[in-house]
Amino acid sequence: WALELLLAAGCDVGSASKDGWTALHWASMLGHKGSVACLMEAGADAHTKNGAGKTSLAVAAMAGQSELVKYLAEKGGQGLVLAVDSEGRSCANLAAQNGHAEAPGVLIEAGGMSC
């Protein structure tokens, strides 16, 4: 409910820290699906990249948040699924490199490149 109050007060959903992390990045990494949905409904852009070139989908994949990976992939489309970070790694690659077996499969089903 705190997030809803902040949004109602006019909080900028696209505001980012000096290293490019938005509220959507943090909510995605931490697995807060309700917050992710609320932020996206308020206009947060899932395609926004942080300073390392990672989208909210990428950080969710790296953290093994499979439910959010599926949600963000569905909402963001193939362009988001196929996005690469500043080192050229896809979301599926990032998930696999971090030992998360389920997330790469979800991404591949959504149209992402194989690991």
Protein backbone atom coordinates (compact mmCIF):
# COMPACT_ATOMS: atom_id res chain seq x y z
CA TRP A 1 0.00 0.00 0.00
CA ALA A 2 2.96 2.35 0.55
CA LEU A 3 3.87 2.13 -3.13
CA GLU A 4 0.31 2.98 -4.11
CA LEU A 5 0.43 6.04 -1.83
CA LEU A 6 3.71 7.21 -3.37
CA LEU A 7 2.33 6.76 -6.88
CA ALA A 8 -0.87 8.60 -5.95
CA ALA A 9 1.27 11.46 -4.64
CA GLY A 10 2.94 11.74 -8.05
CA CYS A 11 6.15 9.82 -7.51
CA ASP A 12 8.12 9.45 -10.76
CA VAL A 13 8.11 5.72 -11.61
CA GLY A 14 11.01 6.24 -14.00
CA SER A 15 13.30 7.85 -11.44
CA ALA A 16 16.65 6.09 -11.21
CA SER A 17 19.62 6.01 -8.86
CA LYS A 18 23.03 7.25 -10.03
CA ASP A 19 23.79 3.71 -11.25
CA GLY A 20 20.54 3.54 -13.21
CA TRP A 21 18.47 1.30 -10.93
CA THR A 22 14.75 2.09 -10.92
CA ALA A 23 12.08 0.92 -8.51
CA LEU A 24 11.12 -1.63 -11.17
CA HIS A 25 14.65 -3.06 -11.19
CA TRP A 26 14.62 -3.47 -7.40
CA ALA A 27 11.12 -4.95 -7.23
CA SER A 28 12.01 -7.38 -10.04
CA MET A 29 15.23 -8.52 -8.40
CA LEU A 30 13.53 -9.00 -5.03
CA GLY A 31 10.57 -10.92 -6.45
CA HIS A 32 7.82 -8.47 -5.54
CA LYS A 33 5.32 -9.27 -8.28
CA GLY A 34 2.59 -7.03 -6.85
CA SER A 35 4.97 -4.06 -6.83
CA VAL A 36 6.19 -4.86 -10.34
CA ALA A 37 2.60 -4.97 -11.60
CA CYS A 38 1.72 -1.75 -9.79
CA LEU A 39 4.78 0.07 -11.17
CA MET A 40 4.11 -1.13 -14.71
CA GLU A 41 0.46 -0.11 -14.50
CA ALA A 42 1.69 3.33 -13.44
CA GLY A 43 3.90 3.56 -16.53
CA ALA A 44 7.26 2.11 -15.49
CA ASP A 45 9.19 1.01 -18.57
CA ALA A 46 10.48 -2.57 -18.39
CA HIS A 47 12.91 -1.78 -21.24
CA THR A 48 14.85 0.75 -19.14
CA LYS A 49 18.43 -0.39 -18.60
CA ASN A 50 20.53 0.27 -15.52
CA GLY A 51 24.18 1.36 -15.65
CA ALA A 52 25.27 -2.20 -16.47
CA GLY A 53 22.80 -2.39 -19.34
CA LYS A 54 20.38 -4.69 -17.52
CA THR A 55 16.61 -4.44 -17.77
CA SER A 56 14.23 -5.39 -14.98
CA LEU A 57 13.79 -8.74 -16.75
CA ALA A 58 17.55 -9.31 -16.70
CA VAL A 59 17.85 -8.65 -12.97
CA ALA A 60 14.84 -10.89 -12.27
CA ALA A 61 16.44 -13.65 -14.35
CA MET A 62 19.79 -13.23 -12.58
CA ALA A 63 18.02 -13.52 -9.22
CA GLY A 64 16.09 -16.63 -10.27
CA GLN A 65 12.69 -14.96 -9.97
CA SER A 66 11.01 -17.31 -12.47
CA GLU A 67 7.47 -16.12 -11.82
CA LEU A 68 8.51 -12.53 -12.48
CA VAL A 69 10.60 -13.56 -15.48
CA LYS A 70 7.48 -15.05 -17.06
CA TYR A 71 5.36 -12.01 -16.15
CA LEU A 72 7.88 -9.48 -17.47
CA ALA A 73 8.51 -11.51 -20.64
CA GLU A 74 4.77 -11.56 -21.35
CA LYS A 75 4.37 -7.85 -20.66
CA GLY A 76 7.55 -6.68 -22.36
CA GLY A 77 7.45 -8.79 -25.49
CA GLN A 78 10.21 -10.35 -27.51
CA GLY A 79 12.25 -7.13 -27.65
CA LEU A 80 12.65 -7.25 -23.89
CA VAL A 81 13.36 -10.98 -23.88
CA LEU A 82 16.08 -10.57 -26.52
CA ALA A 83 17.71 -7.51 -24.91
CA VAL A 84 21.36 -7.92 -23.99
CA ASP A 85 23.35 -6.20 -21.27
CA SER A 86 26.46 -4.05 -21.78
CA GLU A 87 28.56 -7.22 -22.07
CA GLY A 88 26.31 -8.77 -24.72
CA ARG A 89 24.66 -11.32 -22.41
CA SER A 90 21.00 -12.20 -22.91
CA CYS A 91 18.57 -12.64 -20.03
CA ALA A 92 18.68 -16.41 -20.55
CA ASN A 93 22.48 -16.35 -20.41
CA LEU A 94 22.43 -14.30 -17.20
CA ALA A 95 19.99 -16.67 -15.52
CA ALA A 96 22.01 -19.74 -16.51
CA GLN A 97 25.31 -18.16 -15.45
CA ASN A 98 23.83 -17.50 -12.03
CA GLY A 99 22.69 -21.10 -11.57
CA HIS A 100 18.97 -20.61 -12.09
CA ALA A 101 17.74 -23.57 -14.11
CA GLU A 102 14.07 -22.60 -14.50
CA ALA A 103 14.36 -18.99 -15.72
CA PRO A 104 16.28 -19.74 -18.96
CA GLY A 105 13.57 -22.19 -20.03
CA VAL A 106 10.88 -19.60 -19.39
CA LEU A 107 12.81 -17.10 -21.50
CA ILE A 108 13.49 -19.51 -24.32
CA GLU A 109 9.75 -20.36 -24.46
CA ALA A 110 9.03 -16.63 -24.65
CA GLY A 111 11.23 -16.31 -27.72
CA GLY A 112 14.65 -15.66 -26.22
CA MET A 113 17.89 -17.06 -27.50
CA SER A 114 19.11 -20.35 -26.14
CA CYS A 115 21.81 -20.41 -23.51
